[in-house]
Amino acid sequence: MLDEVLLYDHSDSPFCLKARICLQLKGVAFRRVTVTLRRRRELKRLNPLGKVPVLVHGDAVVTDSTAIAHHLEARTPDPPLVPRDPAARAYCALLEEWADEALYFLVAGFKWLNPENRAAAVANTVTELDAGLLRPLVARALVRDVERRYRVWGYTAAALAHLEGRMRENLRTLETLLDGKPFLLGRTTTLADVAVFAQLSWMERYAEARLLADAPTVRAWLGRLADDPAIAAALSS
């Protein structure tokens, strides 16, 4: 259908989950297009960087999860995910950036650097990319590429304890931010909640999910969000 809303994504990506949650919360019907190796050329026509998520909404092609969220906010303002108040809007943006950058770096490090996670990481990521004979080659190339990037930044499997320490600090910060509030900015879900939830719910697929046991306020908040029918639909879609 020409007017069909399409989301090019991968299941094991927190940024794709973030986009799916925004779509579900806004009540926008969409169809997921899982990007396999055979669809890489199609994806690059939409986004030359070859990254997901990409939203095709009418004549608009929107790349990047934050841009998708703001596109949806403009097209479908209710229910609002971005606060109207300038100070609250700025705070929401800061928390979203923290989630997308700091939390993502740590969780992706856990995913690819921890040998305990290797089988799950490969299965969750590579199976969608290619389910055929090329899967072992794709898996080795992907692992090698991610490990090389983290090594350039000074991180190998030997740095996992350091990454865990940083995550514990971030979880303590989040405990403080949520103290006495159902959501990060108060009584309703905002883009800040969506962004942080997307990263930490992704972490729950890997061994470091155990770190959440020491953050009961965060755990309760994750449960509240997961119980939202729209977010539950995004998690299961």
Protein backbone atom coordinates (compact mmCIF):
# COMPACT_ATOMS: atom_id res chain seq x y z
CA MET A 1 0.00 0.00 0.00
CA LEU A 2 1.33 3.41 -0.97
CA ASP A 3 0.28 5.08 2.28
CA GLU A 4 1.59 2.26 4.49
CA VAL A 5 3.98 3.32 7.28
CA LEU A 6 7.14 1.23 7.19
CA LEU A 7 9.80 0.83 9.86
CA TYR A 8 13.09 -0.69 8.72
CA ASP A 9 14.57 -2.26 11.82
CA HIS A 10 16.27 -5.11 13.68
CA SER A 11 14.84 -6.86 16.73
CA ASP A 12 18.05 -6.67 18.76
CA SER A 13 18.55 -2.92 18.55
CA PRO A 14 17.56 -0.58 21.39
CA PHE A 15 17.14 2.27 18.92
CA CYS A 16 14.69 0.25 16.84
CA LEU A 17 12.82 -0.66 20.01
CA LYS A 18 12.71 3.04 20.90
CA ALA A 19 11.16 3.81 17.50
CA ARG A 20 8.64 0.97 17.81
CA ILE A 21 7.59 2.16 21.27
CA CYS A 22 7.04 5.70 19.99
CA LEU A 23 4.92 4.41 17.12
CA GLN A 24 2.85 2.24 19.44
CA LEU A 25 2.37 4.98 22.04
CA LYS A 26 1.25 7.36 19.30
CA GLY A 27 -1.16 4.77 17.92
CA VAL A 28 0.41 4.88 14.44
CA ALA A 29 -0.15 1.64 12.54
CA PHE A 30 3.04 0.45 10.85
CA ARG A 31 4.71 -2.55 9.29
CA ARG A 32 8.18 -3.68 10.27
CA VAL A 33 10.67 -4.41 7.51
CA THR A 34 13.46 -6.54 8.94
CA VAL A 35 16.74 -5.61 7.26
CA THR A 36 18.55 -8.71 6.02
CA LEU A 37 21.75 -8.79 3.97
CA ARG A 38 19.60 -8.95 0.85
CA ARG A 39 17.85 -5.74 1.88
CA ARG A 40 21.04 -3.78 2.63
CA ARG A 41 20.95 -2.07 -0.78
CA GLU A 42 17.31 -1.12 -0.25
CA LEU A 43 18.19 0.29 3.18
CA LYS A 44 21.12 2.30 1.82
CA ARG A 45 18.86 3.94 -0.75
CA LEU A 46 16.85 5.26 2.20
CA ASN A 47 19.79 5.92 4.51
CA PRO A 48 23.26 6.08 2.93
CA LEU A 49 24.79 5.25 6.33
CA GLY A 50 23.06 1.87 6.18
CA LYS A 51 21.77 2.15 9.74
CA VAL A 52 18.40 1.36 11.30
CA PRO A 53 15.83 2.44 12.29
CA VAL A 54 14.44 4.18 9.22
CA LEU A 55 10.83 5.29 9.06
CA VAL A 56 9.00 5.71 5.76
CA HIS A 57 5.90 7.78 6.50
CA GLY A 58 4.11 9.00 3.40
CA ASP A 59 6.63 11.02 1.43
CA ALA A 60 8.92 11.41 4.46
CA VAL A 61 11.96 9.21 5.04
CA VAL A 62 13.21 9.69 8.59
CA THR A 63 16.46 8.22 9.89
CA ASP A 64 17.64 7.98 13.51
CA SER A 65 15.41 7.11 16.47
CA THR A 66 15.40 10.64 17.91
CA ALA A 67 14.43 12.17 14.57
CA ILE A 68 11.68 9.55 14.24
CA ALA A 69 10.35 10.41 17.70
CA HIS A 70 10.20 14.14 16.91
CA HIS A 71 8.68 13.48 13.47
CA LEU A 72 5.90 11.50 15.16
CA GLU A 73 5.47 14.22 17.79
CA ALA A 74 4.88 16.76 15.01
CA ARG A 75 2.53 14.53 13.02
CA THR A 76 0.66 13.03 15.98
CA PRO A 77 0.97 15.39 18.95
CA ASP A 78 -1.30 13.37 21.26
CA PRO A 79 -0.39 11.76 23.52
CA PRO A 80 2.65 14.02 23.92
CA LEU A 81 6.04 12.39 24.52
CA VAL A 82 8.05 15.63 24.49
CA PRO A 83 7.12 18.15 27.23
CA ARG A 84 5.80 21.54 26.17
CA ASP A 85 7.50 23.40 29.01
CA PRO A 86 10.97 24.55 27.82
CA ALA A 87 12.81 23.48 31.00
CA ALA A 88 11.14 20.07 31.07
CA ARG A 89 11.76 19.68 27.34
CA ALA A 90 15.48 20.38 27.86
CA TYR A 91 15.68 17.91 30.75
CA CYS A 92 13.93 15.28 28.64
CA ALA A 93 16.46 15.84 25.83
CA LEU A 94 19.40 15.50 28.24
CA LEU A 95 18.10 12.19 29.58
CA GLU A 96 17.45 10.89 26.08
CA GLU A 97 21.00 11.79 25.03
CA TRP A 98 22.39 10.10 28.17
CA ALA A 99 20.50 6.93 27.31
CA ASP A 100 21.42 6.92 23.63
CA GLU A 101 25.11 7.59 24.24
CA ALA A 102 26.32 6.58 27.72
CA LEU A 103 23.95 3.70 28.45
CA TYR A 104 24.14 2.34 24.91
CA PHE A 105 27.96 2.27 24.98
CA LEU A 106 27.93 0.21 28.18
CA VAL A 107 25.20 -2.23 27.18
CA ALA A 108 26.68 -2.84 23.73
CA GLY A 109 30.04 -3.44 25.41
CA PHE A 110 28.44 -6.08 27.63
CA LYS A 111 26.77 -7.67 24.63
CA TRP A 112 29.86 -8.07 22.48
CA LEU A 113 32.82 -8.18 24.87
CA ASN A 114 31.48 -10.65 27.44
CA PRO A 115 32.11 -14.26 26.30
CA GLU A 116 29.04 -15.32 28.31
CA ASN A 117 26.89 -13.27 25.94
CA ARG A 118 28.53 -14.25 22.67
CA ALA A 119 26.13 -17.01 21.63
CA ALA A 120 23.04 -14.93 22.46
CA ALA A 121 24.48 -11.81 20.81
CA VAL A 122 25.21 -13.67 17.59
CA ALA A 123 21.86 -15.48 17.60
CA ASN A 124 19.86 -12.33 18.33
CA THR A 125 21.64 -10.24 15.69
CA VAL A 126 22.93 -12.47 12.92
CA THR A 127 19.89 -14.71 12.51
CA GLU A 128 17.89 -11.76 11.17
CA LEU A 129 20.73 -10.59 8.93
CA ASP A 130 21.17 -13.95 7.25
CA ALA A 131 19.56 -17.27 8.06
CA GLY A 132 21.47 -19.19 5.40
CA LEU A 133 24.93 -20.57 4.76
CA LEU A 134 26.59 -17.17 5.19
CA ARG A 135 25.56 -16.90 8.83
CA PRO A 136 28.90 -18.09 10.35
CA LEU A 137 30.87 -15.68 8.13
CA VAL A 138 28.55 -12.80 8.97
CA ALA A 139 28.84 -13.60 12.67
CA ARG A 140 32.65 -13.63 12.64
CA ALA A 141 32.83 -10.39 10.63
CA LEU A 142 30.35 -8.64 12.93
CA VAL A 143 32.10 -9.72 16.13
CA ARG A 144 35.50 -8.75 14.72
CA ASP A 145 34.24 -5.32 13.67
CA VAL A 146 32.64 -4.51 17.03
CA GLU A 147 35.65 -5.78 18.99
CA ARG A 148 37.96 -3.67 16.82
CA ARG A 149 35.94 -0.53 17.50
CA TYR A 150 35.91 -1.08 21.24
CA ARG A 151 39.62 -1.88 21.22
CA VAL A 152 40.29 1.48 19.52
CA TRP A 153 38.41 3.11 22.40
CA GLY A 154 40.57 1.17 24.88
CA TYR A 155 38.08 -1.55 25.83
CA THR A 156 38.47 -5.33 25.62
CA ALA A 157 36.97 -8.19 27.62
CA ALA A 158 39.48 -7.29 30.33
CA ALA A 159 37.58 -4.02 30.86
CA LEU A 160 34.23 -5.65 31.69
CA ALA A 161 34.62 -4.98 35.43
CA HIS A 162 35.18 -1.31 34.65
CA LEU A 163 32.09 -1.22 32.44
CA GLU A 164 30.07 -2.90 35.18
CA GLY A 165 31.24 -0.28 37.65
CA ARG A 166 30.15 2.50 35.33
CA MET A 167 26.76 0.86 34.84
CA ARG A 168 26.25 0.53 38.59
CA GLU A 169 26.94 4.27 38.91
CA ASN A 170 24.41 5.00 36.17
CA LEU A 171 21.81 2.80 37.84
CA ARG A 172 22.35 4.62 41.16
CA THR A 173 21.82 7.89 39.32
CA LEU A 174 18.62 6.56 37.79
CA GLU A 175 17.43 5.39 41.22
CA THR A 176 17.83 8.98 42.43
CA LEU A 177 16.06 10.46 39.41
CA LEU A 178 13.09 8.13 39.90
CA ASP A 179 12.81 8.55 43.66
CA GLY A 180 9.22 9.42 44.52
CA LYS A 181 8.11 9.56 40.87
CA PRO A 182 6.38 6.98 38.66
CA PHE A 183 8.26 8.25 35.57
CA LEU A 184 11.37 10.28 34.92
CA LEU A 185 9.58 13.60 34.47
CA GLY A 186 6.71 12.91 36.84
CA ARG A 187 3.30 11.42 36.18
CA THR A 188 3.40 10.51 32.49
CA THR A 189 5.68 8.64 30.11
CA THR A 190 7.96 10.86 28.04
CA LEU A 191 10.65 10.31 25.43
CA ALA A 192 13.19 10.22 28.28
CA ASP A 193 11.48 7.12 29.72
CA VAL A 194 11.28 5.50 26.29
CA ALA A 195 14.97 6.05 25.55
CA VAL A 196 16.26 4.78 28.90
CA PHE A 197 13.81 1.85 28.91
CA ALA A 198 14.95 0.81 25.43
CA GLN A 199 18.56 0.51 26.61
CA LEU A 200 17.93 -1.25 29.92
CA SER A 201 15.29 -3.65 28.62
CA TRP A 202 17.83 -4.58 25.91
CA MET A 203 20.37 -5.27 28.67
CA GLU A 204 17.95 -7.75 30.24
CA ARG A 205 18.69 -10.12 27.34
CA TYR A 206 22.29 -10.52 28.49
CA ALA A 207 24.26 -11.69 31.53
CA GLU A 208 24.56 -8.19 33.00
CA ALA A 209 20.82 -8.12 33.66
CA ARG A 210 21.89 -9.25 37.16
CA LEU A 211 23.08 -5.66 37.82
CA LEU A 212 19.45 -4.53 37.83
CA ALA A 213 18.81 -6.60 40.96
CA ASP A 214 20.64 -3.94 42.98
CA ALA A 215 18.38 -1.17 41.65
CA PRO A 216 14.86 -1.98 42.92
CA THR A 217 13.38 1.41 42.02
CA VAL A 218 14.67 1.03 38.46
CA ARG A 219 13.35 -2.53 38.33
CA ALA A 220 9.87 -1.37 39.43
CA TRP A 221 9.94 1.43 36.84
CA LEU A 222 10.92 -1.02 34.08
CA GLY A 223 8.01 -3.21 35.12
CA ARG A 224 5.56 -0.29 35.03
CA LEU A 225 6.62 0.59 31.51
CA ALA A 226 6.59 -3.00 30.29
CA ASP A 227 3.01 -3.37 31.57
CA ASP A 228 1.84 -0.49 29.35
CA PRO A 229 -0.12 -2.21 26.52
CA ALA A 230 1.54 -0.06 23.83
CA ILE A 231 5.05 -0.78 25.10
CA ALA A 232 4.22 -4.46 25.54
CA ALA A 233 3.10 -4.50 21.89
CA ALA A 234 6.41 -2.91 20.83
CA LEU A 235 8.36 -5.52 22.77
CA SER A 236 6.46 -8.42 21.24
CA SER A 237 6.01 -7.09 17.67
